[in-house]
Amino acid sequence: MQPSDCHNFHDFRRMARRKLPGPIFNYIDGAADDEVTYRRNTASFERCDLVPNVLRGVENVDLSVTVMGQKLALPVYCSPTALQRLFHHQGERAVAAASDKYATMFGVSSLGTVSLEEVRKLSSAPQIYQFYFHKDRSLNRAMMERAKTAGVEVMMLTVDSITGGNRERDKRTGFSIPFKLTLAGMLQFAMKPAWGLNYLTHEPFRLPQLDEHVDMGGGTMSISKYFSEMLDPSMNWDDVAQMVEQWSGQFCLKGIMSVADAKRAADIGCTGIVLSNHGGRQLDGSRTAFDQLAEIVDAVGDRIDVLMDGGVQRGTHVLKALSLGAKAVGLGRYYLFPLAAAGQAGVERALELMRIEIERDMRLMGCSSVQQLSRANLRFR
């Protein structure tokens, strides 16, 4: 099966499942507790209907948006995600190159597997650096200074992950970094020898943003210990305000869900927020970003750029979020399964499918630009 044989998210998910060992597939696919929020993220879009207009003259369609000062050719971006070279040896390199081709924003995680500096050289597209707040304040400052030197346009602080979520699929297989697999997990790796051969014949897996703190060989610290020992659960708004001032540029908080927090983010000078429940991977039972979007936009949409992610699988999902006032929509699993399935070619195919869907759906809605989308186009059941 080739990327060209995939026509939607579900095709790529099936293709990735065939290629990846079970523990790695389930790391991407899984979520916290009973995975209720994970399922609701996509279901939330289904409770909203589009109301199209006709005879509006939509020969040409402009999909471009401006988000936190960055001009994007598409109203979607590749959200920063961890461990990408575990899914495919190209990892962040593939995502950066694909984002460059489609002239949209992409992110690199603190737990990324390719360095900020290398990725910056691979793409002229706007780049996000997603990071966590550490007990070591000097480390926080050093990470921001490194990002600025590398030419990163947007700093994104994740605020919903001061501790890891209860991801029971990972516990059953023993998935962790470094690997500590259960017998069941090891058997699932043995069933996919092609993945193991690929893993062993490419450069060693590493976390270049955190080389001195998380070691793949079981040295300094595992990722689980990184979350439990290095991240600071006492992080508060004063801490974040200092970071916003230090960065003195586009600064975004990812994981905002309440109106009070959205207002506070605007008050301290953030230029963007991402409504997100971390793909259902943190607090199971939390509200979906789409369901919360209108309330947040009404409260702060005139002061700060509001973005959202979670459960996005179709162009119509994107149109619904944009109609409620989101400036752009983040993609996560939507591009991770294509990455796992086919590397750069997979990510490019996924972005092309999304572009085609959004453009087609815009025409069917009678809208020639994203700015024409509004709540008048929506009805909630």
Protein backbone atom coordinates (compact mmCIF):
# COMPACT_ATOMS: atom_id res chain seq x y z
CA MET A 1 0.00 0.00 0.00
CA GLN A 2 1.35 3.42 -1.04
CA PRO A 3 0.50 6.89 0.31
CA SER A 4 -1.45 7.54 -2.89
CA ASP A 5 -3.73 4.64 -1.92
CA CYS A 6 -4.73 6.50 1.25
CA HIS A 7 -7.67 8.86 0.91
CA ASN A 8 -8.33 9.89 4.51
CA PHE A 9 -7.16 9.75 8.11
CA HIS A 10 -8.59 6.28 8.62
CA ASP A 11 -6.65 4.81 5.70
CA PHE A 12 -3.39 6.14 7.12
CA ARG A 13 -4.24 4.88 10.61
CA ARG A 14 -4.75 1.36 9.22
CA MET A 15 -1.51 1.59 7.24
CA ALA A 16 0.42 2.74 10.32
CA ARG A 17 -1.07 -0.06 12.40
CA ARG A 18 0.24 -2.61 9.91
CA LYS A 19 3.75 -1.14 10.03
CA LEU A 20 4.28 -0.25 13.69
CA PRO A 21 4.86 -2.61 16.61
CA GLY A 22 1.79 -2.62 18.83
CA PRO A 23 3.32 -0.63 21.72
CA ILE A 24 4.35 2.22 19.40
CA PHE A 25 1.05 2.29 17.53
CA ASN A 26 -0.80 2.38 20.84
CA TYR A 27 1.43 5.17 22.12
CA ILE A 28 0.19 7.34 19.22
CA ASP A 29 -3.36 6.05 19.24
CA GLY A 30 -3.94 5.84 22.97
CA ALA A 31 -5.17 8.31 25.55
CA ALA A 32 -5.81 8.58 29.29
CA ASP A 33 -7.99 6.43 31.54
CA ASP A 34 -11.07 5.19 29.63
CA GLU A 35 -10.24 7.41 26.61
CA VAL A 36 -13.61 9.16 26.85
CA THR A 37 -12.22 12.57 25.97
CA TYR A 38 -10.25 11.09 23.06
CA ARG A 39 -13.50 9.80 21.50
CA ARG A 40 -15.45 12.95 22.28
CA ASN A 41 -12.90 15.17 20.54
CA THR A 42 -13.98 13.98 17.11
CA ALA A 43 -17.60 13.35 18.08
CA SER A 44 -17.97 16.99 19.12
CA PHE A 45 -17.75 18.09 15.49
CA GLU A 46 -20.60 15.74 14.57
CA ARG A 47 -23.05 17.65 16.75
CA CYS A 48 -22.53 20.73 14.56
CA ASP A 49 -24.05 21.10 11.08
CA LEU A 50 -22.80 23.29 8.26
CA VAL A 51 -25.33 25.53 6.50
CA PRO A 52 -24.01 26.33 3.02
CA ASN A 53 -24.85 29.28 0.78
CA VAL A 54 -24.99 28.94 -3.00
CA LEU A 55 -24.47 31.13 -6.08
CA ARG A 56 -21.69 33.09 -4.41
CA GLY A 57 -19.05 33.02 -7.15
CA VAL A 58 -16.28 30.87 -5.67
CA GLU A 59 -14.07 30.25 -8.68
CA ASN A 60 -10.99 31.18 -6.62
CA VAL A 61 -10.58 30.17 -2.98
CA ASP A 62 -8.05 31.74 -0.60
CA LEU A 63 -7.13 29.41 2.28
CA SER A 64 -4.45 31.66 3.80
CA VAL A 65 -4.56 32.91 7.38
CA THR A 66 -2.32 35.00 9.62
CA VAL A 67 -1.64 33.50 13.05
CA MET A 68 0.52 35.19 15.69
CA GLY A 69 2.09 37.30 12.97
CA GLN A 70 2.82 34.30 10.73
CA LYS A 71 1.30 34.04 7.25
CA LEU A 72 0.15 30.48 6.52
CA ALA A 73 -1.05 29.19 3.15
CA LEU A 74 -3.38 26.75 4.97
CA PRO A 75 -5.55 27.27 8.05
CA VAL A 76 -4.04 24.14 9.63
CA TYR A 77 -0.60 23.51 11.12
CA CYS A 78 1.39 20.50 12.34
CA SER A 79 1.28 20.61 16.13
CA PRO A 80 4.53 19.80 17.95
CA THR A 81 4.59 16.16 19.05
CA ALA A 82 7.19 14.03 20.81
CA LEU A 83 9.32 11.06 19.73
CA GLN A 84 8.70 11.34 15.98
CA ARG A 85 11.75 9.33 14.86
CA LEU A 86 10.34 6.42 16.84
CA PHE A 87 7.45 6.32 14.35
CA HIS A 88 9.60 6.76 11.22
CA HIS A 89 13.34 7.32 10.90
CA GLN A 90 12.79 10.69 9.15
CA GLY A 91 10.80 12.08 12.07
CA GLU A 92 10.70 15.87 12.37
CA ARG A 93 12.72 16.20 9.17
CA ALA A 94 9.77 14.81 7.21
CA VAL A 95 7.27 17.08 8.96
CA ALA A 96 9.43 20.18 8.45
CA ALA A 97 9.92 19.45 4.75
CA ALA A 98 6.23 18.75 4.20
CA SER A 99 5.23 21.93 6.06
CA ASP A 100 7.68 23.89 3.93
CA LYS A 101 6.09 22.49 0.75
CA TYR A 102 2.63 23.52 1.91
CA ALA A 103 3.79 26.80 3.48
CA THR A 104 2.22 26.19 6.85
CA MET A 105 3.44 26.27 10.43
CA PHE A 106 4.95 23.28 12.22
CA GLY A 107 6.23 22.58 15.70
CA VAL A 108 9.22 20.90 17.32
CA SER A 109 8.83 19.48 20.82
CA SER A 110 11.22 19.57 23.73
CA LEU A 111 10.92 15.79 23.40
CA GLY A 112 11.65 16.04 19.68
CA THR A 113 14.14 13.68 18.06
CA VAL A 114 15.82 16.16 15.68
CA SER A 115 17.48 19.35 16.88
CA LEU A 116 15.83 22.75 16.58
CA GLU A 117 18.80 23.98 14.59
CA GLU A 118 18.72 21.21 11.99
CA VAL A 119 14.98 21.43 11.50
CA ARG A 120 15.18 25.21 11.06
CA LYS A 121 17.57 24.71 8.16
CA LEU A 122 15.20 22.27 6.46
CA SER A 123 12.21 24.59 6.25
CA SER A 124 11.40 28.23 5.74
CA ALA A 125 7.90 27.69 7.16
CA PRO A 126 7.09 29.33 10.52
CA GLN A 127 8.41 27.17 13.35
CA ILE A 128 7.03 26.62 16.85
CA TYR A 129 9.13 25.41 19.73
CA GLN A 130 7.01 23.61 22.33
CA PHE A 131 8.52 23.29 25.78
CA TYR A 132 7.70 22.50 29.40
CA PHE A 133 8.34 24.47 32.56
CA HIS A 134 11.24 23.06 34.60
CA LYS A 135 12.15 23.39 38.24
CA ASP A 136 15.53 24.63 37.02
CA ARG A 137 14.72 28.21 35.96
CA SER A 138 18.10 28.57 34.28
CA LEU A 139 17.18 25.64 32.02
CA ASN A 140 13.97 27.41 31.01
CA ARG A 141 15.94 30.53 30.12
CA ALA A 142 18.56 28.54 28.23
CA MET A 143 15.89 26.74 26.17
CA MET A 144 14.32 30.03 25.12
CA GLU A 145 17.68 31.54 24.25
CA ARG A 146 18.53 28.49 22.15
CA ALA A 147 15.20 28.74 20.32
CA LYS A 148 15.70 32.43 19.57
CA THR A 149 19.21 31.79 18.26
CA ALA A 150 17.85 29.00 16.04
CA GLY A 151 15.32 31.37 14.47
CA VAL A 152 12.14 29.98 16.00
CA GLU A 153 9.20 32.32 15.44
CA VAL A 154 6.76 31.13 18.12
CA MET A 155 7.40 29.85 21.64
CA MET A 156 4.68 27.49 22.89
CA LEU A 157 4.54 26.60 26.57
CA THR A 158 2.47 23.50 27.33
CA VAL A 159 0.54 24.15 30.53
CA ASP A 160 -1.62 21.03 30.88
CA SER A 161 1.20 18.54 31.47
CA ILE A 162 2.78 19.25 34.83
CA THR A 163 2.43 15.50 35.31
CA GLY A 164 1.84 12.70 32.84
CA GLY A 165 -1.63 11.34 32.11
CA ASN A 166 -2.72 7.81 33.04
CA ARG A 167 -2.13 6.07 29.70
CA GLU A 168 -3.10 2.50 30.42
CA ARG A 169 -2.33 1.15 26.96
CA ASP A 170 1.33 2.03 27.57
CA LYS A 171 1.25 0.36 30.97
CA ARG A 172 -0.01 -2.90 29.48
CA THR A 173 2.82 -3.09 26.95
CA GLY A 174 5.49 -1.50 29.13
CA PHE A 175 6.06 1.24 26.57
CA SER A 176 8.51 3.82 27.88
CA ILE A 177 11.67 5.64 26.86
CA PRO A 178 14.07 3.90 27.34
CA PHE A 179 12.08 0.73 26.52
CA LYS A 180 10.99 -1.40 29.49
CA LEU A 181 8.65 -3.75 27.66
CA THR A 182 6.42 -6.40 29.16
CA LEU A 183 6.48 -9.88 27.61
CA ALA A 184 3.34 -8.97 25.63
CA GLY A 185 5.05 -5.81 24.41
CA MET A 186 8.18 -7.69 23.33
CA LEU A 187 6.09 -10.21 21.39
CA GLN A 188 4.39 -7.37 19.53
CA PHE A 189 7.79 -5.96 18.54
CA ALA A 190 8.85 -9.42 17.35
CA MET A 191 5.85 -9.49 15.01
CA LYS A 192 7.11 -6.38 13.15
CA PRO A 193 10.78 -7.18 12.35
CA ALA A 194 10.87 -4.62 9.50
CA TRP A 195 10.39 -1.80 12.01
CA GLY A 196 13.24 -3.15 14.15
CA LEU A 197 15.57 -3.45 11.17
CA ASN A 198 14.78 0.12 10.14
CA TYR A 199 15.33 1.35 13.70
CA LEU A 200 18.73 -0.35 13.98
CA THR A 201 20.05 0.72 10.56
CA HIS A 202 19.56 4.45 11.05
CA GLU A 203 21.18 6.96 13.37
CA PRO A 204 20.72 6.34 17.10
CA PHE A 205 17.49 7.55 18.64
CA ARG A 206 18.04 10.63 20.79
CA LEU A 207 16.36 13.70 22.24
CA PRO A 208 18.71 16.53 21.19
CA GLN A 209 16.79 19.24 23.03
CA LEU A 210 17.28 17.33 26.30
CA ASP A 211 20.46 15.30 25.70
CA GLU A 212 21.90 16.25 29.05
CA HIS A 213 18.81 15.18 30.96
CA VAL A 214 17.09 12.23 29.23
CA ASP A 215 19.30 9.40 28.03
CA MET A 216 18.17 6.69 25.61
CA GLY A 217 20.58 4.17 27.06
CA GLY A 218 19.06 4.21 30.52
CA GLY A 219 21.60 6.68 31.86
CA THR A 220 20.54 9.95 33.35
CA MET A 221 16.75 9.74 33.29
CA SER A 222 13.74 8.17 31.59
CA ILE A 223 10.96 10.27 30.11
CA SER A 224 8.60 9.29 32.93
CA LYS A 225 11.14 10.52 35.47
CA TYR A 226 11.63 13.67 33.39
CA PHE A 227 7.94 14.49 33.91
CA SER A 228 7.90 13.52 37.58
CA GLU A 229 11.26 14.94 38.66
CA MET A 230 12.20 17.83 36.36
CA LEU A 231 8.91 19.54 35.59
CA ASP A 232 7.63 22.03 38.13
CA PRO A 233 4.02 21.54 39.30
CA SER A 234 4.27 24.82 41.22
CA MET A 235 4.33 26.78 37.92
CA ASN A 236 2.04 29.80 38.17
CA TRP A 237 1.01 32.86 36.20
CA ASP A 238 3.84 35.01 37.56
CA ASP A 239 6.37 32.45 36.26
CA VAL A 240 4.78 32.49 32.82
CA ALA A 241 4.60 36.29 32.74
CA GLN A 242 8.36 36.43 33.29
CA MET A 243 8.92 34.04 30.40
CA VAL A 244 6.66 36.05 28.10
CA GLU A 245 8.66 39.18 28.96
CA GLN A 246 11.98 37.40 28.44
CA TRP A 247 10.98 36.01 25.03
CA SER A 248 9.57 39.39 23.87
CA GLY A 249 7.96 37.87 20.79
CA GLN A 250 5.16 35.55 19.76
CA PHE A 251 4.34 33.49 22.86
CA CYS A 252 1.57 30.90 23.01
CA LEU A 253 0.09 28.80 25.81
CA LYS A 254 -1.08 25.31 24.83
CA GLY A 255 -3.66 23.58 27.00
CA ILE A 256 -5.89 26.54 27.92
CA MET A 257 -9.54 25.55 28.37
CA SER A 258 -11.26 28.04 30.68
CA VAL A 259 -12.34 31.62 30.02
CA ALA A 260 -10.55 32.79 33.17
CA ASP A 261 -7.25 31.30 31.97
CA ALA A 262 -7.72 32.69 28.46
CA LYS A 263 -8.22 36.19 29.89
CA ARG A 264 -5.17 35.82 32.11
CA ALA A 265 -3.06 34.74 29.13
CA ALA A 266 -4.09 37.88 27.27
CA ASP A 267 -3.42 40.03 30.34
CA ILE A 268 0.21 38.87 30.67
CA GLY A 269 0.99 39.53 27.00
CA CYS A 270 0.61 36.15 25.32
CA THR A 271 -0.15 36.53 21.61
CA GLY A 272 -1.86 33.16 21.20
CA ILE A 273 -3.53 30.32 23.06
CA VAL A 274 -4.30 26.78 21.93
CA LEU A 275 -7.50 25.30 23.28
CA SER A 276 -6.47 21.70 23.81
CA ASN A 277 -7.00 18.70 26.05
CA HIS A 278 -3.78 17.12 24.73
CA GLY A 279 -5.65 14.76 22.44
CA GLY A 280 -7.37 13.22 25.46
CA ARG A 281 -4.00 12.09 26.80
CA GLN A 282 -4.03 14.01 30.09
CA LEU A 283 -7.31 14.58 31.98
CA ASP A 284 -9.95 12.12 30.83
CA GLY A 285 -13.44 13.58 31.03
CA SER A 286 -12.29 17.10 30.22
CA ARG A 287 -14.32 19.23 27.83
CA THR A 288 -13.43 19.20 24.15
CA ALA A 289 -11.70 22.19 22.62
CA PHE A 290 -14.35 22.52 19.90
CA ASP A 291 -17.18 22.62 22.45
CA GLN A 292 -15.33 25.31 24.42
CA LEU A 293 -14.22 27.35 21.41
CA ALA A 294 -17.11 29.81 21.04
CA GLU A 295 -17.04 30.76 24.72
CA ILE A 296 -13.30 31.48 24.61
CA VAL A 297 -13.47 33.42 21.32
CA ASP A 298 -16.29 35.57 22.67
CA ALA A 299 -14.25 36.35 25.77
CA VAL A 300 -10.80 37.09 24.30
CA GLY A 301 -10.91 36.71 20.52
CA ASP A 302 -10.43 40.44 20.01
CA ARG A 303 -7.28 40.46 22.20
CA ILE A 304 -5.42 37.26 21.39
CA ASP A 305 -5.25 34.66 18.61
CA VAL A 306 -7.29 31.61 19.55
CA LEU A 307 -6.27 28.27 18.06
CA MET A 308 -7.59 24.78 18.83
CA ASP A 309 -6.70 21.14 18.34
CA GLY A 310 -8.12 17.73 19.16
CA GLY A 311 -9.94 15.15 17.07
CA VAL A 312 -9.53 16.92 13.72
CA GLN A 313 -9.82 14.39 10.90
CA ARG A 314 -11.61 16.21 8.07
CA GLY A 315 -11.68 19.50 6.22
CA THR A 316 -15.23 20.04 7.45
CA HIS A 317 -13.95 19.85 11.03
CA VAL A 318 -11.55 22.68 10.21
CA LEU A 319 -14.29 24.79 8.63
CA LYS A 320 -16.48 24.39 11.71
CA ALA A 321 -13.67 25.54 14.01
CA LEU A 322 -12.82 28.50 11.78
CA SER A 323 -16.51 29.46 11.63
CA LEU A 324 -16.56 29.64 15.44
CA GLY A 325 -13.59 32.00 15.42
CA ALA A 326 -10.45 29.86 15.59
CA LYS A 327 -7.58 31.50 13.71
CA ALA A 328 -6.09 28.11 12.77
CA VAL A 329 -6.44 24.44 13.68
CA GLY A 330 -3.69 22.13 14.94
CA LEU A 331 -3.20 18.62 13.54
CA GLY A 332 -1.65 15.84 15.62
CA ARG A 333 -2.53 12.22 14.96
CA TYR A 334 -3.76 13.39 11.55
CA TYR A 335 -0.14 13.70 10.38
CA LEU A 336 1.52 11.25 12.81
CA PHE A 337 -0.13 8.18 11.31
CA PRO A 338 0.91 9.23 7.78
CA LEU A 339 4.44 9.88 9.09
CA ALA A 340 4.55 6.39 10.57
CA ALA A 341 3.11 4.87 7.41
CA ALA A 342 5.31 6.54 4.81
CA GLY A 343 7.59 9.26 6.17
CA GLN A 344 7.70 12.57 4.30
CA ALA A 345 5.59 11.23 1.44
CA GLY A 346 2.90 10.31 3.94
CA VAL A 347 2.84 13.71 5.63
CA GLU A 348 2.74 15.46 2.26
CA ARG A 349 -0.13 13.27 1.13
CA ALA A 350 -2.03 14.01 4.34
CA LEU A 351 -1.57 17.78 3.99
CA GLU A 352 -2.56 17.60 0.32
CA LEU A 353 -5.73 15.70 1.19
CA MET A 354 -6.55 18.28 3.86
CA ARG A 355 -5.91 21.14 1.42
CA ILE A 356 -8.16 19.54 -1.20
CA GLU A 357 -10.91 18.89 1.32
CA ILE A 358 -10.88 22.41 2.75
CA GLU A 359 -10.86 24.02 -0.70
CA ARG A 360 -13.68 21.81 -1.96
CA ASP A 361 -15.72 22.36 1.18
CA MET A 362 -15.18 26.12 1.03
CA ARG A 363 -16.65 26.14 -2.50
CA LEU A 364 -19.59 24.03 -1.35
CA MET A 365 -20.12 26.48 1.53
CA GLY A 366 -20.11 29.44 -0.87
CA CYS A 367 -17.02 31.02 0.72
CA SER A 368 -14.05 32.28 -1.28
CA SER A 369 -11.88 33.10 1.76
CA VAL A 370 -11.51 31.93 5.33
CA GLN A 371 -12.57 35.38 6.52
CA GLN A 372 -16.06 34.78 5.07
CA LEU A 373 -16.72 31.86 7.41
CA SER A 374 -18.92 32.77 10.38
CA ARG A 375 -21.33 31.32 12.89
CA ALA A 376 -24.13 32.04 10.45
CA ASN A 377 -22.83 28.95 8.64
CA LEU A 378 -23.44 26.69 11.65
CA ARG A 379 -26.31 25.05 13.52
CA PHE A 380 -25.86 22.95 16.66
CA ARG A 381 -28.08 19.99 17.37
